């Protein structure tokens, strides 16, 4: 298998993984939103119940927000695949290591740029 054929094969696998994760997350978000909507209609009688329900709702809303962020990242990765720039660092343009992409297929930065960005953010 030539290098370009190997890359094309890898990208197909990454696309399948991204699409599968996207479908899984979308199902989770839809289910959580239905659950949140149902809990809004069901009123608790006791103040303790109301506080517990409010806390559980906040946690669930945070989970949905996190899942939506991941869905956005996956959408951007799929867009990069469609444009033929998947696997290239958006900061420096160098290839992103395949092991990094295997761990996080939606990665947008090579390891060096990611570390530099995290170091800058920590300052």
C-alpha atoms as a PDB file:
ATOM      1  CA  UNK A   1       0.000   0.000   0.000  1.00  0.00           C
ATOM      2  CA  UNK A   2       1.423   3.373  -0.980  1.00  0.00           C
ATOM      3  CA  UNK A   3       1.678   6.218   1.499  1.00  0.00           C
ATOM      4  CA  UNK A   4      -1.212   8.168  -0.068  1.00  0.00           C
ATOM      5  CA  UNK A   5      -3.383   5.038  -0.190  1.00  0.00           C
ATOM      6  CA  UNK A   6      -2.526   4.384   3.469  1.00  0.00           C
ATOM      7  CA  UNK A   7      -3.484   7.953   4.370  1.00  0.00           C
ATOM      8  CA  UNK A   8      -6.727   7.660   2.443  1.00  0.00           C
ATOM      9  CA  UNK A   9      -7.464   4.393   4.256  1.00  0.00           C
ATOM     10  CA  UNK A  10      -6.673   5.991   7.631  1.00  0.00           C
ATOM     11  CA  UNK A  11      -8.918   8.945   6.869  1.00  0.00           C
ATOM     12  CA  UNK A  12     -11.781   6.593   5.994  1.00  0.00           C
ATOM     13  CA  UNK A  13     -11.376   4.870   9.351  1.00  0.00           C
ATOM     14  CA  UNK A  14     -11.227   8.220  11.143  1.00  0.00           C
ATOM     15  CA  UNK A  15     -14.333   9.392   9.306  1.00  0.00           C
ATOM     16  CA  UNK A  16     -16.207   6.244  10.349  1.00  0.00           C
ATOM     17  CA  UNK A  17     -15.125   6.731  13.968  1.00  0.00           C
ATOM     18  CA  UNK A  18     -16.114  10.400  13.908  1.00  0.00           C
ATOM     19  CA  UNK A  19     -19.524   9.648  12.390  1.00  0.00           C
ATOM     20  CA  UNK A  20     -20.178   6.862  14.906  1.00  0.00           C
ATOM     21  CA  UNK A  21     -19.244   9.121  17.839  1.00  0.00           C
ATOM     22  CA  UNK A  22     -21.334  11.939  16.371  1.00  0.00           C
ATOM     23  CA  UNK A  23     -24.398   9.660  16.197  1.00  0.00           C
ATOM     24  CA  UNK A  24     -23.794   8.394  19.739  1.00  0.00           C
ATOM     25  CA  UNK A  25     -23.444  11.911  21.138  1.00  0.00           C
ATOM     26  CA  UNK A  26     -26.483  13.195  19.262  1.00  0.00           C
ATOM     27  CA  UNK A  27     -28.560  10.376  20.713  1.00  0.00           C
ATOM     28  CA  UNK A  28     -27.268  11.194  24.215  1.00  0.00           C
ATOM     29  CA  UNK A  29     -28.027  14.902  23.781  1.00  0.00           C
ATOM     30  CA  UNK A  30     -31.531  14.226  22.445  1.00  0.00           C
ATOM     31  CA  UNK A  31     -32.251  11.842  25.322  1.00  0.00           C
ATOM     32  CA  UNK A  32     -30.905  14.283  27.921  1.00  0.00           C
ATOM     33  CA  UNK A  33     -32.928  17.147  26.487  1.00  0.00           C
ATOM     34  CA  UNK A  34     -36.084  15.019  26.595  1.00  0.00           C
ATOM     35  CA  UNK A  35     -35.254  14.108  30.195  1.00  0.00           C
ATOM     36  CA  UNK A  36     -34.677  17.762  31.121  1.00  0.00           C
ATOM     37  CA  UNK A  37     -37.917  18.817  29.469  1.00  0.00           C
ATOM     38  CA  UNK A  38     -39.837  16.105  31.327  1.00  0.00           C
ATOM     39  CA  UNK A  39     -38.271  17.095  34.650  1.00  0.00           C
ATOM     40  CA  UNK A  40     -39.323  20.707  34.059  1.00  0.00           C
ATOM     41  CA  UNK A  41     -42.948  19.604  33.697  1.00  0.00           C
ATOM     42  CA  UNK A  42     -42.849  17.398  36.810  1.00  0.00           C
ATOM     43  CA  UNK A  43     -42.966  19.583  39.888  1.00  0.00           C
ATOM     44  CA  UNK A  44     -41.490  18.443  43.189  1.00  0.00           C
ATOM     45  CA  UNK A  45     -43.604  18.985  46.288  1.00  0.00           C
ATOM     46  CA  UNK A  46     -40.986  19.115  49.034  1.00  0.00           C
ATOM     47  CA  UNK A  47     -38.305  21.857  49.152  1.00  0.00           C
ATOM     48  CA  UNK A  48     -35.579  19.206  49.569  1.00  0.00           C
ATOM     49  CA  UNK A  49     -36.808  17.456  46.441  1.00  0.00           C
ATOM     50  CA  UNK A  50     -36.799  20.745  44.553  1.00  0.00           C
ATOM     51  CA  UNK A  51     -33.199  21.465  45.548  1.00  0.00           C
ATOM     52  CA  UNK A  52     -32.058  17.960  44.591  1.00  0.00           C
ATOM     53  CA  UNK A  53     -33.861  18.156  41.273  1.00  0.00           C
ATOM     54  CA  UNK A  54     -32.358  21.572  40.542  1.00  0.00           C
ATOM     55  CA  UNK A  55     -28.861  20.270  41.274  1.00  0.00           C
ATOM     56  CA  UNK A  56     -29.375  17.182  39.114  1.00  0.00           C
ATOM     57  CA  UNK A  57     -30.720  19.383  36.332  1.00  0.00           C
ATOM     58  CA  UNK A  58     -27.640  21.637  36.475  1.00  0.00           C
ATOM     59  CA  UNK A  59     -25.338  18.617  36.262  1.00  0.00           C
ATOM     60  CA  UNK A  60     -27.299  17.225  33.318  1.00  0.00           C
ATOM     61  CA  UNK A  61     -27.237  20.602  31.547  1.00  0.00           C
ATOM     62  CA  UNK A  62     -23.447  20.746  31.990  1.00  0.00           C
ATOM     63  CA  UNK A  63     -23.157  17.259  30.485  1.00  0.00           C
ATOM     64  CA  UNK A  64     -25.275  18.318  27.511  1.00  0.00           C
ATOM     65  CA  UNK A  65     -23.125  21.429  27.014  1.00  0.00           C
ATOM     66  CA  UNK A  66     -19.961  19.289  27.062  1.00  0.00           C
ATOM     67  CA  UNK A  67     -21.494  16.851  24.573  1.00  0.00           C
ATOM     68  CA  UNK A  68     -22.530  19.724  22.295  1.00  0.00           C
ATOM     69  CA  UNK A  69     -18.943  21.048  22.349  1.00  0.00           C
ATOM     70  CA  UNK A  70     -17.682  17.617  21.335  1.00  0.00           C
ATOM     71  CA  UNK A  71     -20.305  17.472  18.581  1.00  0.00           C
ATOM     72  CA  UNK A  72     -19.042  20.824  17.291  1.00  0.00           C
ATOM     73  CA  UNK A  73     -15.447  19.539  17.323  1.00  0.00           C
ATOM     74  CA  UNK A  74     -16.494  16.437  15.428  1.00  0.00           C
ATOM     75  CA  UNK A  75     -18.361  18.554  12.894  1.00  0.00           C
ATOM     76  CA  UNK A  76     -15.260  20.652  12.316  1.00  0.00           C
ATOM     77  CA  UNK A  77     -13.139  17.499  11.936  1.00  0.00           C
ATOM     78  CA  UNK A  78     -15.582  16.121   9.356  1.00  0.00           C
ATOM     79  CA  UNK A  79     -15.441  19.455   7.539  1.00  0.00           C
ATOM     80  CA  UNK A  80     -11.619  19.273   7.480  1.00  0.00           C
ATOM     81  CA  UNK A  81     -11.889  15.748   6.079  1.00  0.00           C
ATOM     82  CA  UNK A  82     -14.210  16.977   3.325  1.00  0.00           C
ATOM     83  CA  UNK A  83     -11.839  19.850   2.491  1.00  0.00           C
ATOM     84  CA  UNK A  84      -8.806  17.534   2.415  1.00  0.00           C
ATOM     85  CA  UNK A  85      -6.983  19.224   5.300  1.00  0.00           C
ATOM     86  CA  UNK A  86      -7.743  16.684   8.005  1.00  0.00           C
ATOM     87  CA  UNK A  87      -4.697  15.633   9.975  1.00  0.00           C
ATOM     88  CA  UNK A  88      -2.883  18.939   9.514  1.00  0.00           C
ATOM     89  CA  UNK A  89      -2.299  21.280  12.444  1.00  0.00           C
ATOM     90  CA  UNK A  90      -4.452  24.392  12.088  1.00  0.00           C
ATOM     91  CA  UNK A  91      -1.707  26.470  13.713  1.00  0.00           C
ATOM     92  CA  UNK A  92       1.501  25.404  11.967  1.00  0.00           C
ATOM     93  CA  UNK A  93       0.259  23.250   9.071  1.00  0.00           C
ATOM     94  CA  UNK A  94       2.415  20.268  10.014  1.00  0.00           C
ATOM     95  CA  UNK A  95       0.911  16.778  10.090  1.00  0.00           C
ATOM     96  CA  UNK A  96      -0.682  15.684  13.356  1.00  0.00           C
ATOM     97  CA  UNK A  97       0.789  12.414  14.615  1.00  0.00           C
ATOM     98  CA  UNK A  98      -1.436   9.429  13.756  1.00  0.00           C
ATOM     99  CA  UNK A  99      -1.297   8.193  17.350  1.00  0.00           C
ATOM    100  CA  UNK A 100      -2.702  11.542  18.492  1.00  0.00           C
ATOM    101  CA  UNK A 101      -5.486  11.309  15.912  1.00  0.00           C
ATOM    102  CA  UNK A 102      -6.244   7.755  16.998  1.00  0.00           C
ATOM    103  CA  UNK A 103      -6.630   8.955  20.585  1.00  0.00           C
ATOM    104  CA  UNK A 104      -8.573  12.119  19.647  1.00  0.00           C
ATOM    105  CA  UNK A 105      -9.770  12.024  16.034  1.00  0.00           C
ATOM    106  CA  UNK A 106     -11.078  15.587  16.321  1.00  0.00           C
ATOM    107  CA  UNK A 107      -7.617  16.978  17.189  1.00  0.00           C
ATOM    108  CA  UNK A 108      -6.781  20.239  15.444  1.00  0.00           C
ATOM    109  CA  UNK A 109      -3.225  20.804  16.674  1.00  0.00           C
ATOM    110  CA  UNK A 110       0.008  18.839  16.562  1.00  0.00           C
ATOM    111  CA  UNK A 111       1.397  17.959  19.972  1.00  0.00           C
ATOM    112  CA  UNK A 112       3.992  20.732  19.933  1.00  0.00           C
ATOM    113  CA  UNK A 113       1.451  23.454  19.141  1.00  0.00           C
ATOM    114  CA  UNK A 114      -1.019  22.040  21.680  1.00  0.00           C
ATOM    115  CA  UNK A 115       1.648  22.140  24.401  1.00  0.00           C
ATOM    116  CA  UNK A 116       2.624  25.694  23.443  1.00  0.00           C
ATOM    117  CA  UNK A 117      -0.997  26.832  23.538  1.00  0.00           C
ATOM    118  CA  UNK A 118      -1.587  25.195  26.924  1.00  0.00           C
ATOM    119  CA  UNK A 119       1.598  26.758  28.320  1.00  0.00           C
ATOM    120  CA  UNK A 120       0.525  30.184  27.080  1.00  0.00           C
ATOM    121  CA  UNK A 121      -2.959  29.735  28.573  1.00  0.00           C
ATOM    122  CA  UNK A 122      -1.458  28.741  31.931  1.00  0.00           C
ATOM    123  CA  UNK A 123       0.471  32.018  32.184  1.00  0.00           C
END
